[in-house]
PDB file of N, CA and C in Angstrom:
ATOM      1  N   MET A   1       0.767  -1.332  -0.062  1.00  0.00           N
ATOM      2  CA  MET A   1      -0.121  -0.002   0.015  1.00  0.00           C
ATOM      3  C   MET A   1       0.691   1.187   0.021  1.00  0.00           C
ATOM      4  N   LYS A   2       2.068   1.159   0.794  1.00  0.00           N
ATOM      5  CA  LYS A   2       2.783   2.509   0.782  1.00  0.00           C
ATOM      6  C   LYS A   2       3.598   2.752  -0.585  1.00  0.00           C
ATOM      7  N   LYS A   3       3.813   1.801  -1.335  1.00  0.00           N
ATOM      8  CA  LYS A   3       4.244   1.789  -2.734  1.00  0.00           C
ATOM      9  C   LYS A   3       3.155   2.445  -3.619  1.00  0.00           C
ATOM     10  N   LEU A   4       2.031   2.019  -3.539  1.00  0.00           N
ATOM     11  CA  LEU A   4       0.949   2.629  -4.402  1.00  0.00           C
ATOM     12  C   LEU A   4       0.853   4.004  -4.011  1.00  0.00           C
ATOM     13  N   SER A   5       0.734   4.334  -2.725  1.00  0.00           N
ATOM     14  CA  SER A   5       0.629   5.541  -2.439  1.00  0.00           C
ATOM     15  C   SER A   5       1.715   6.529  -2.758  1.00  0.00           C
ATOM     16  N   LEU A   6       2.971   6.161  -2.791  1.00  0.00           N
ATOM     17  CA  LEU A   6       3.991   7.081  -3.037  1.00  0.00           C
ATOM     18  C   LEU A   6       3.916   7.081  -4.530  1.00  0.00           C
ATOM     19  N   TYR A   7       3.596   6.173  -5.404  1.00  0.00           N
ATOM     20  CA  TYR A   7       3.493   6.069  -6.755  1.00  0.00           C
ATOM     21  C   TYR A   7       2.491   7.245  -7.084  1.00  0.00           C
ATOM     22  N   LEU A   8       1.151   7.066  -6.549  1.00  0.00           N
ATOM     23  CA  LEU A   8       0.204   8.097  -6.771  1.00  0.00           C
ATOM     24  C   LEU A   8       0.817   9.399  -6.664  1.00  0.00           C
ATOM     25  N   PHE A   9       1.464   9.743  -5.523  1.00  0.00           N
ATOM     26  CA  PHE A   9       1.782  10.923  -5.147  1.00  0.00           C
ATOM     27  C   PHE A   9       2.764  11.536  -6.181  1.00  0.00           C
ATOM     28  N   CYS A  10       3.872  10.787  -6.680  1.00  0.00           N
ATOM     29  CA  CYS A  10       4.755  10.976  -7.495  1.00  0.00           C
ATOM     30  C   CYS A  10       4.026  11.526  -8.938  1.00  0.00           C
ATOM     31  N   SER A  11       3.143  10.780  -9.291  1.00  0.00           N
ATOM     32  CA  SER A  11       2.355  10.891 -10.426  1.00  0.00           C
ATOM     33  C   SER A  11       1.715  12.219 -10.278  1.00  0.00           C
ATOM     34  N   ALA A  12       1.047  12.484  -9.378  1.00  0.00           N
ATOM     35  CA  ALA A  12       0.511  13.782  -9.200  1.00  0.00           C
ATOM     36  C   ALA A  12       1.367  14.944  -9.288  1.00  0.00           C
ATOM     37  N   LEU A  13       2.586  14.674  -8.834  1.00  0.00           N
ATOM     38  CA  LEU A  13       3.355  16.007  -8.746  1.00  0.00           C
ATOM     39  C   LEU A  13       3.939  16.076 -10.176  1.00  0.00           C
ATOM     40  N   ILE A  14       4.165  15.113 -10.941  1.00  0.00           N
ATOM     41  CA  ILE A  14       4.698  15.140 -12.277  1.00  0.00           C
ATOM     42  C   ILE A  14       3.596  15.876 -13.140  1.00  0.00           C
ATOM     43  N   ILE A  15       2.408  15.508 -13.111  1.00  0.00           N
ATOM     44  CA  ILE A  15       1.217  16.075 -13.815  1.00  0.00           C
ATOM     45  C   ILE A  15       1.162  17.493 -13.395  1.00  0.00           C
ATOM     46  N   ALA A  16       1.333  17.731 -12.106  1.00  0.00           N
ATOM     47  CA  ALA A  16       0.820  19.238 -11.748  1.00  0.00           C
ATOM     48  C   ALA A  16       2.205  19.999 -12.177  1.00  0.00           C
ATOM     49  N   GLY A  17       3.422  19.414 -12.349  1.00  0.00           N
ATOM     50  CA  GLY A  17       4.516  20.204 -12.817  1.00  0.00           C
ATOM     51  C   GLY A  17       4.375  20.597 -14.313  1.00  0.00           C
ATOM     52  N   ARG A  18       3.638  19.651 -15.170  1.00  0.00           N
ATOM     53  CA  ARG A  18       3.390  19.857 -16.485  1.00  0.00           C
ATOM     54  C   ARG A  18       2.145  20.926 -16.715  1.00  0.00           C
ATOM     55  N   ALA A  19       1.264  20.823 -15.829  1.00  0.00           N
ATOM     56  CA  ALA A  19       0.087  21.632 -16.024  1.00  0.00           C
ATOM     57  C   ALA A  19       0.407  22.976 -15.515  1.00  0.00           C
ATOM     58  N   GLN A  20       0.790  23.949 -16.530  1.00  0.00           N
ATOM     59  CA  GLN A  20       1.179  25.452 -16.454  1.00  0.00           C
ATOM     60  C   GLN A  20       0.498  26.236 -17.206  1.00  0.00           C
ATOM     61  N   GLY A  21       0.518  27.578 -16.656  1.00  0.00           N
ATOM     62  CA  GLY A  21      -0.162  28.485 -17.419  1.00  0.00           C
ATOM     63  C   GLY A  21       0.481  29.071 -18.609  1.00  0.00           C
ATOM     64  N   PRO A  22      -0.163  29.915 -19.401  1.00  0.00           N
ATOM     65  CA  PRO A  22       0.717  30.505 -20.500  1.00  0.00           C
ATOM     66  C   PRO A  22       2.020  31.087 -20.345  1.00  0.00           C
ATOM     67  N   GLN A  23       2.986  30.908 -21.101  1.00  0.00           N
ATOM     68  CA  GLN A  23       4.318  31.467 -20.887  1.00  0.00           C
ATOM     69  C   GLN A  23       4.733  32.139 -22.212  1.00  0.00           C
ATOM     70  N   VAL A  24       4.209  33.253 -22.542  1.00  0.00           N
ATOM     71  CA  VAL A  24       4.452  33.723 -24.009  1.00  0.00           C
ATOM     72  C   VAL A  24       5.468  34.723 -23.829  1.00  0.00           C
ATOM     73  N   THR A  25       6.461  34.546 -24.842  1.00  0.00           N
ATOM     74  CA  THR A  25       7.486  35.481 -25.017  1.00  0.00           C
ATOM     75  C   THR A  25       7.631  35.862 -26.450  1.00  0.00           C
ATOM     76  N   ILE A  26       8.268  37.018 -26.694  1.00  0.00           N
ATOM     77  CA  ILE A  26       8.650  37.527 -28.177  1.00  0.00           C
ATOM     78  C   ILE A  26       9.979  37.158 -28.453  1.00  0.00           C
ATOM     79  N   LYS A  27      10.010  36.308 -29.495  1.00  0.00           N
ATOM     80  CA  LYS A  27      11.279  35.843 -29.998  1.00  0.00           C
ATOM     81  C   LYS A  27      12.046  36.744 -31.091  1.00  0.00           C
ATOM     82  N   ALA A  28      11.248  37.126 -31.717  1.00  0.00           N
ATOM     83  CA  ALA A  28      11.871  38.209 -32.932  1.00  0.00           C
ATOM     84  C   ALA A  28      10.757  39.042 -33.354  1.00  0.00           C
ATOM     85  N   ILE A  29      11.322  40.050 -33.899  1.00  0.00           N
ATOM     86  CA  ILE A  29      10.535  41.057 -34.497  1.00  0.00           C
ATOM     87  C   ILE A  29      11.160  41.548 -35.836  1.00  0.00           C
ATOM     88  N   LYS A  30      10.473  41.464 -36.936  1.00  0.00           N
ATOM     89  CA  LYS A  30      10.970  41.844 -38.335  1.00  0.00           C
ATOM     90  C   LYS A  30       9.935  42.620 -39.266  1.00  0.00           C
ATOM     91  N   GLY A  31      10.511  43.610 -39.637  1.00  0.00           N
ATOM     92  CA  GLY A  31       9.608  44.585 -40.481  1.00  0.00           C
ATOM     93  C   GLY A  31       9.497  43.761 -41.875  1.00  0.00           C
ATOM     94  N   LEU A  32       8.267  43.911 -42.390  1.00  0.00           N
ATOM     95  CA  LEU A  32       8.346  43.148 -43.678  1.00  0.00           C
ATOM     96  C   LEU A  32       8.155  44.319 -44.811  1.00  0.00           C
ATOM     97  N   PRO A  33       8.658  43.850 -45.944  1.00  0.00           N
ATOM     98  CA  PRO A  33       9.039  45.139 -47.172  1.00  0.00           C
ATOM     99  C   PRO A  33       7.644  45.462 -47.894  1.00  0.00           C
ATOM    100  N   PHE A  34       6.462  45.578 -47.221  1.00  0.00           N
ATOM    101  CA  PHE A  34       5.469  46.033 -47.919  1.00  0.00           C
ATOM    102  C   PHE A  34       4.412  46.615 -46.907  1.00  0.00           C
ATOM    103  N   LEU A  35       3.309  47.525 -47.443  1.00  0.00           N
ATOM    104  CA  LEU A  35       2.415  48.090 -46.570  1.00  0.00           C
ATOM    105  C   LEU A  35       1.226  47.266 -46.664  1.00  0.00           C
ATOM    106  N   SER A  36       0.208  47.212 -45.770  1.00  0.00           N
ATOM    107  CA  SER A  36      -0.974  46.588 -45.841  1.00  0.00           C
ATOM    108  C   SER A  36      -1.990  47.455 -45.562  1.00  0.00           C
ATOM    109  N   LEU A  37      -3.183  47.241 -46.477  1.00  0.00           N
ATOM    110  CA  LEU A  37      -4.365  48.338 -46.133  1.00  0.00           C
ATOM    111  C   LEU A  37      -5.309  47.656 -45.048  1.00  0.00           C
ATOM    112  N   ARG A  38      -5.823  48.408 -44.154  1.00  0.00           N
ATOM    113  CA  ARG A  38      -6.832  48.203 -43.089  1.00  0.00           C
ATOM    114  C   ARG A  38      -7.623  49.181 -42.993  1.00  0.00           C
ATOM    115  N   ASP A  39      -9.003  48.905 -42.821  1.00  0.00           N
ATOM    116  CA  ASP A  39      -9.838  50.112 -42.576  1.00  0.00           C
ATOM    117  C   ASP A  39      -9.448  51.430 -43.474  1.00  0.00           C
ATOM    118  N   GLY A  40      -9.069  51.222 -44.607  1.00  0.00           N
ATOM    119  CA  GLY A  40      -8.706  52.402 -45.481  1.00  0.00           C
ATOM    120  C   GLY A  40      -7.548  53.175 -44.973  1.00  0.00           C
ATOM    121  N   ARG A  41      -6.789  52.474 -44.321  1.00  0.00           N
ATOM    122  CA  ARG A  41      -5.162  53.122 -43.868  1.00  0.00           C
ATOM    123  C   ARG A  41      -4.342  52.357 -44.148  1.00  0.00           C
ATOM    124  N   SER A  42      -3.034  52.726 -44.448  1.00  0.00           N
ATOM    125  CA  SER A  42      -1.882  51.965 -44.660  1.00  0.00           C
ATOM    126  C   SER A  42      -1.215  51.666 -43.413  1.00  0.00           C
ATOM    127  N   TYR A  43      -0.619  50.383 -43.189  1.00  0.00           N
ATOM    128  CA  TYR A  43       0.048  50.024 -42.053  1.00  0.00           C
ATOM    129  C   TYR A  43       1.337  49.282 -42.603  1.00  0.00           C
ATOM    130  N   GLN A  44       2.500  49.478 -41.821  1.00  0.00           N
ATOM    131  CA  GLN A  44       3.503  48.617 -42.117  1.00  0.00           C
ATOM    132  C   GLN A  44       3.395  47.293 -41.614  1.00  0.00           C
ATOM    133  N   SER A  45       3.447  46.368 -42.290  1.00  0.00           N
ATOM    134  CA  SER A  45       3.371  44.844 -41.864  1.00  0.00           C
ATOM    135  C   SER A  45       4.645  44.368 -41.107  1.00  0.00           C
ATOM    136  N   VAL A  46       4.646  43.927 -39.943  1.00  0.00           N
ATOM    137  CA  VAL A  46       5.567  43.359 -39.127  1.00  0.00           C
ATOM    138  C   VAL A  46       5.300  41.853 -38.681  1.00  0.00           C
ATOM    139  N   GLU A  47       6.434  40.930 -38.798  1.00  0.00           N
ATOM    140  CA  GLU A  47       6.245  39.638 -38.327  1.00  0.00           C
ATOM    141  C   GLU A  47       6.753  39.560 -36.864  1.00  0.00           C
ATOM    142  N   LEU A  48       5.885  39.024 -36.066  1.00  0.00           N
ATOM    143  CA  LEU A  48       6.330  38.966 -34.644  1.00  0.00           C
ATOM    144  C   LEU A  48       6.099  37.395 -34.246  1.00  0.00           C
ATOM    145  N   SER A  49       7.464  36.937 -33.949  1.00  0.00           N
ATOM    146  CA  SER A  49       7.462  35.616 -33.655  1.00  0.00           C
ATOM    147  C   SER A  49       7.298  35.426 -32.369  1.00  0.00           C
ATOM    148  N   LEU A  50       6.364  34.507 -31.774  1.00  0.00           N
ATOM    149  CA  LEU A  50       6.110  34.058 -30.497  1.00  0.00           C
ATOM    150  C   LEU A  50       6.382  32.623 -30.103  1.00  0.00           C
ATOM    151  N   GLU A  51       6.732  32.618 -28.782  1.00  0.00           N
ATOM    152  CA  GLU A  51       6.946  31.345 -28.233  1.00  0.00           C
ATOM    153  C   GLU A  51       6.245  31.150 -26.986  1.00  0.00           C
ATOM    154  N   ASN A  52       5.350  30.047 -27.056  1.00  0.00           N
ATOM    155  CA  ASN A  52       4.568  29.932 -25.764  1.00  0.00           C
ATOM    156  C   ASN A  52       4.836  28.522 -25.264  1.00  0.00           C
ATOM    157  N   GLY A  53       5.541  28.562 -24.095  1.00  0.00           N
ATOM    158  CA  GLY A  53       6.011  27.371 -23.402  1.00  0.00           C
ATOM    159  C   GLY A  53       4.854  26.765 -22.406  1.00  0.00           C
ATOM    160  N   GLY A  54       3.515  27.199 -22.486  1.00  0.00           N
ATOM    161  CA  GLY A  54       2.668  26.696 -21.581  1.00  0.00           C
ATOM    162  C   GLY A  54       1.383  26.407 -22.304  1.00  0.00           C
ATOM    163  N   ASP A  55       0.260  26.632 -21.560  1.00  0.00           N
ATOM    164  CA  ASP A  55      -1.090  26.248 -22.195  1.00  0.00           C
ATOM    165  C   ASP A  55      -1.380  27.445 -23.234  1.00  0.00           C
ATOM    166  N   SER A  56      -2.448  27.102 -24.124  1.00  0.00           N
ATOM    167  CA  SER A  56      -2.872  28.027 -25.153  1.00  0.00           C
ATOM    168  C   SER A  56      -3.509  29.224 -24.352  1.00  0.00           C
ATOM    169  N   THR A  57      -3.559  30.322 -25.041  1.00  0.00           N
ATOM    170  CA  THR A  57      -3.988  31.518 -24.495  1.00  0.00           C
ATOM    171  C   THR A  57      -4.301  32.469 -25.683  1.00  0.00           C
ATOM    172  N   GLU A  58      -4.972  33.506 -25.479  1.00  0.00           N
ATOM    173  CA  GLU A  58      -5.267  34.476 -26.337  1.00  0.00           C
ATOM    174  C   GLU A  58      -4.280  35.785 -25.853  1.00  0.00           C
ATOM    175  N   VAL A  59      -3.627  36.460 -26.732  1.00  0.00           N
ATOM    176  CA  VAL A  59      -2.896  37.544 -26.355  1.00  0.00           C
ATOM    177  C   VAL A  59      -3.506  38.840 -27.333  1.00  0.00           C
ATOM    178  N   THR A  60      -3.201  39.872 -26.728  1.00  0.00           N
ATOM    179  CA  THR A  60      -3.613  41.165 -27.433  1.00  0.00           C
ATOM    180  C   THR A  60      -2.216  42.085 -27.731  1.00  0.00           C
ATOM    181  N   VAL A  61      -1.915  42.429 -28.934  1.00  0.00           N
ATOM    182  CA  VAL A  61      -0.755  43.182 -29.372  1.00  0.00           C
ATOM    183  C   VAL A  61      -1.312  44.632 -29.465  1.00  0.00           C
ATOM    184  N   HIS A  62      -0.577  45.467 -28.683  1.00  0.00           N
ATOM    185  CA  HIS A  62      -0.989  46.883 -28.804  1.00  0.00           C
ATOM    186  C   HIS A  62       0.123  47.601 -29.383  1.00  0.00           C
ATOM    187  N   ILE A  63       0.000  48.189 -30.367  1.00  0.00           N
ATOM    188  CA  ILE A  63       1.023  49.050 -31.090  1.00  0.00           C
ATOM    189  C   ILE A  63       0.423  50.481 -31.152  1.00  0.00           C
ATOM    190  N   LYS A  64       1.375  51.513 -30.646  1.00  0.00           N
ATOM    191  CA  LYS A  64       0.741  52.848 -30.704  1.00  0.00           C
ATOM    192  C   LYS A  64       0.564  53.389 -32.242  1.00  0.00           C
ATOM    193  N   GLY A  65      -0.763  53.821 -32.253  1.00  0.00           N
ATOM    194  CA  GLY A  65      -0.954  54.412 -33.711  1.00  0.00           C
ATOM    195  C   GLY A  65      -1.817  53.455 -34.629  1.00  0.00           C
ATOM    196  N   ALA A  66      -1.871  52.064 -34.167  1.00  0.00           N
ATOM    197  CA  ALA A  66      -2.468  50.935 -34.872  1.00  0.00           C
ATOM    198  C   ALA A  66      -3.624  50.376 -33.949  1.00  0.00           C
ATOM    199  N   PRO A  67      -4.618  49.762 -34.701  1.00  0.00           N
ATOM    200  CA  PRO A  67      -5.592  48.898 -33.910  1.00  0.00           C
ATOM    201  C   PRO A  67      -4.951  47.818 -33.112  1.00  0.00           C
ATOM    202  N   ASP A  68      -5.534  47.526 -31.936  1.00  0.00           N
ATOM    203  CA  ASP A  68      -5.218  46.203 -31.347  1.00  0.00           C
ATOM    204  C   ASP A  68      -5.462  45.237 -31.980  1.00  0.00           C
ATOM    205  N   LEU A  69      -4.703  44.042 -31.860  1.00  0.00           N
ATOM    206  CA  LEU A  69      -4.926  42.843 -32.599  1.00  0.00           C
ATOM    207  C   LEU A  69      -4.944  41.718 -31.634  1.00  0.00           C
ATOM    208  N   ARG A  70      -5.977  40.962 -31.411  1.00  0.00           N
ATOM    209  CA  ARG A  70      -6.166  39.749 -30.621  1.00  0.00           C
ATOM    210  C   ARG A  70      -5.988  38.475 -31.526  1.00  0.00           C
ATOM    211  N   VAL A  71      -4.997  37.562 -30.964  1.00  0.00           N
ATOM    212  CA  VAL A  71      -4.757  36.475 -31.586  1.00  0.00           C
ATOM    213  C   VAL A  71      -4.652  35.226 -30.464  1.00  0.00           C
ATOM    214  N   GLY A  72      -5.097  34.066 -30.917  1.00  0.00           N
ATOM    215  CA  GLY A  72      -5.001  32.825 -30.118  1.00  0.00           C
ATOM    216  C   GLY A  72      -3.501  32.256 -30.385  1.00  0.00           C
ATOM    217  N   VAL A  73      -2.890  32.029 -29.451  1.00  0.00           N
ATOM    218  CA  VAL A  73      -1.370  31.142 -29.371  1.00  0.00           C
ATOM    219  C   VAL A  73      -1.431  29.863 -28.502  1.00  0.00           C
ATOM    220  N   GLY A  74      -1.160  28.988 -29.470  1.00  0.00           N
ATOM    221  CA  GLY A  74      -1.040  27.686 -28.813  1.00  0.00           C
ATOM    222  C   GLY A  74       0.275  27.293 -28.516  1.00  0.00           C
ATOM    223  N   GLY A  75       0.810  26.151 -27.857  1.00  0.00           N
ATOM    224  CA  GLY A  75       1.989  25.923 -27.577  1.00  0.00           C
ATOM    225  C   GLY A  75       3.067  25.904 -28.773  1.00  0.00           C
ATOM    226  N   GLY A  76       4.408  26.238 -28.238  1.00  0.00           N
ATOM    227  CA  GLY A  76       5.296  26.148 -29.360  1.00  0.00           C
ATOM    228  C   GLY A  76       5.499  27.547 -29.990  1.00  0.00           C
ATOM    229  N   SER A  77       6.161  27.633 -31.003  1.00  0.00           N
ATOM    230  CA  SER A  77       6.570  28.810 -31.820  1.00  0.00           C
ATOM    231  C   SER A  77       5.490  29.154 -32.837  1.00  0.00           C
ATOM    232  N   ARG A  78       5.186  30.387 -33.079  1.00  0.00           N
ATOM    233  CA  ARG A  78       4.216  30.835 -33.997  1.00  0.00           C
ATOM    234  C   ARG A  78       4.590  32.182 -34.625  1.00  0.00           C
ATOM    235  N   PRO A  79       4.671  32.525 -35.906  1.00  0.00           N
ATOM    236  CA  PRO A  79       4.768  33.795 -36.329  1.00  0.00           C
ATOM    237  C   PRO A  79       3.286  34.446 -36.554  1.00  0.00           C
ATOM    238  N   ILE A  80       3.254  35.517 -36.205  1.00  0.00           N
ATOM    239  CA  ILE A  80       2.066  36.354 -36.468  1.00  0.00           C
ATOM    240  C   ILE A  80       2.339  37.718 -37.300  1.00  0.00           C
ATOM    241  N   GLU A  81       1.461  38.149 -38.197  1.00  0.00           N
ATOM    242  CA  GLU A  81       1.476  39.507 -38.833  1.00  0.00           C
ATOM    243  C   GLU A  81       0.821  40.509 -38.007  1.00  0.00           C
ATOM    244  N   VAL A  82       1.403  41.591 -37.526  1.00  0.00           N
ATOM    245  CA  VAL A  82       0.922  42.680 -36.911  1.00  0.00           C
ATOM    246  C   VAL A  82       1.187  43.996 -37.778  1.00  0.00           C
ATOM    247  N   PHE A  83       0.524  44.984 -37.321  1.00  0.00           N
ATOM    248  CA  PHE A  83       0.537  46.298 -38.237  1.00  0.00           C
ATOM    249  C   PHE A  83       0.998  47.319 -37.424  1.00  0.00           C
ATOM    250  N   ALA A  84       2.050  48.021 -37.793  1.00  0.00           N
ATOM    251  CA  ALA A  84       2.299  49.242 -37.223  1.00  0.00           C
ATOM    252  C   ALA A  84       1.911  50.439 -38.122  1.00  0.00           C
ATOM    253  N   PRO A  85       1.796  51.760 -37.515  1.00  0.00           N
ATOM    254  CA  PRO A  85       1.636  52.701 -38.537  1.00  0.00           C
ATOM    255  C   PRO A  85       2.762  52.840 -39.522  1.00  0.00           C
ATOM    256  N   GLU A  86       2.129  53.524 -40.670  1.00  0.00           N
ATOM    257  CA  GLU A  86       2.844  53.703 -41.795  1.00  0.00           C
ATOM    258  C   GLU A  86       3.974  54.939 -41.446  1.00  0.00           C
ATOM    259  N   VAL A  87       5.313  54.689 -42.029  1.00  0.00           N
ATOM    260  CA  VAL A  87       6.315  55.607 -41.568  1.00  0.00           C
ATOM    261  C   VAL A  87       7.082  56.016 -42.894  1.00  0.00           C
ATOM    262  N   LYS A  88       7.587  57.246 -43.083  1.00  0.00           N
ATOM    263  CA  LYS A  88       8.653  57.327 -44.303  1.00  0.00           C
ATOM    264  C   LYS A  88       9.935  57.198 -44.107  1.00  0.00           C
ATOM    265  N   LYS A  89      10.515  57.227 -42.876  1.00  0.00           N
ATOM    266  CA  LYS A  89      11.984  56.777 -42.509  1.00  0.00           C
ATOM    267  C   LYS A  89      11.831  55.895 -41.269  1.00  0.00           C
ATOM    268  N   ALA A  90      13.063  55.495 -40.888  1.00  0.00           N
ATOM    269  CA  ALA A  90      13.286  54.652 -39.748  1.00  0.00           C
ATOM    270  C   ALA A  90      12.726  55.300 -38.370  1.00  0.00           C
ATOM    271  N   THR A  91      11.737  54.508 -37.729  1.00  0.00           N
ATOM    272  CA  THR A  91      11.225  55.199 -36.688  1.00  0.00           C
ATOM    273  C   THR A  91      11.049  54.078 -35.695  1.00  0.00           C
ATOM    274  N   ASP A  92      11.091  54.415 -34.336  1.00  0.00           N
ATOM    275  CA  ASP A  92      11.058  53.549 -33.056  1.00  0.00           C
ATOM    276  C   ASP A  92       9.447  53.740 -32.775  1.00  0.00           C
ATOM    277  N   VAL A  93       8.845  52.431 -32.773  1.00  0.00           N
ATOM    278  CA  VAL A  93       7.474  52.493 -32.496  1.00  0.00           C
ATOM    279  C   VAL A  93       7.149  51.614 -31.236  1.00  0.00           C
ATOM    280  N   GLY A  94       6.647  52.123 -30.202  1.00  0.00           N
ATOM    281  CA  GLY A  94       6.337  51.384 -28.898  1.00  0.00           C
ATOM    282  C   GLY A  94       5.362  50.355 -29.025  1.00  0.00           C
ATOM    283  N   TYR A  95       5.393  49.103 -28.364  1.00  0.00           N
ATOM    284  CA  TYR A  95       4.411  48.143 -28.527  1.00  0.00           C
ATOM    285  C   TYR A  95       4.219  47.540 -27.182  1.00  0.00           C
ATOM    286  N   ARG A  96       3.194  46.863 -26.928  1.00  0.00           N
ATOM    287  CA  ARG A  96       2.931  45.900 -25.796  1.00  0.00           C
ATOM    288  C   ARG A  96       2.371  44.619 -25.927  1.00  0.00           C
ATOM    289  N   LEU A  97       2.669  43.518 -25.479  1.00  0.00           N
ATOM    290  CA  LEU A  97       1.908  42.229 -25.612  1.00  0.00           C
ATOM    291  C   LEU A  97       1.323  42.031 -24.290  1.00  0.00           C
ATOM    292  N   GLU A  98      -0.016  41.508 -24.463  1.00  0.00           N
ATOM    293  CA  GLU A  98      -0.973  41.460 -23.176  1.00  0.00           C
ATOM    294  C   GLU A  98      -1.540  40.099 -23.303  1.00  0.00           C
ATOM    295  N   SER A  99      -1.320  39.265 -22.152  1.00  0.00           N
ATOM    296  CA  SER A  99      -1.948  38.052 -22.100  1.00  0.00           C
ATOM    297  C   SER A  99      -2.685  38.096 -20.665  1.00  0.00           C
ATOM    298  N   GLY A 100      -3.763  37.479 -20.713  1.00  0.00           N
ATOM    299  CA  GLY A 100      -4.659  37.396 -19.447  1.00  0.00           C
ATOM    300  C   GLY A 100      -4.853  38.657 -18.779  1.00  0.00           C
ATOM    301  N   GLY A 101      -4.697  39.752 -19.399  1.00  0.00           N
ATOM    302  CA  GLY A 101      -5.085  41.083 -18.611  1.00  0.00           C
ATOM    303  C   GLY A 101      -3.586  41.571 -18.176  1.00  0.00           C
ATOM    304  N   LYS A 102      -2.580  41.124 -18.400  1.00  0.00           N
ATOM    305  CA  LYS A 102      -1.141  41.542 -17.817  1.00  0.00           C
ATOM    306  C   LYS A 102      -0.171  41.791 -19.063  1.00  0.00           C
TER     307      LYS A 102
END
């Protein structure tokens, strides 16, 4: 009986260790060489590479001057296309990635 209890306890610890919330990180950001039209406005297309080491989740990408973009992110790596305001020269644009309200 002690061996069975120990086995069940260890199995529960392993399962609990694997059950984790979303862990989304940005791996890379790359400007794409074209503009996209959305809602009658031009935006710079940007490839955002995300890595999720946890459970599937929904994230919101906030880029100043562009509409917010909500996307579902499963486990593993995933590139997504986001839109930044059109610019005429090299410009820094602030952004924020939000998951679960954080």
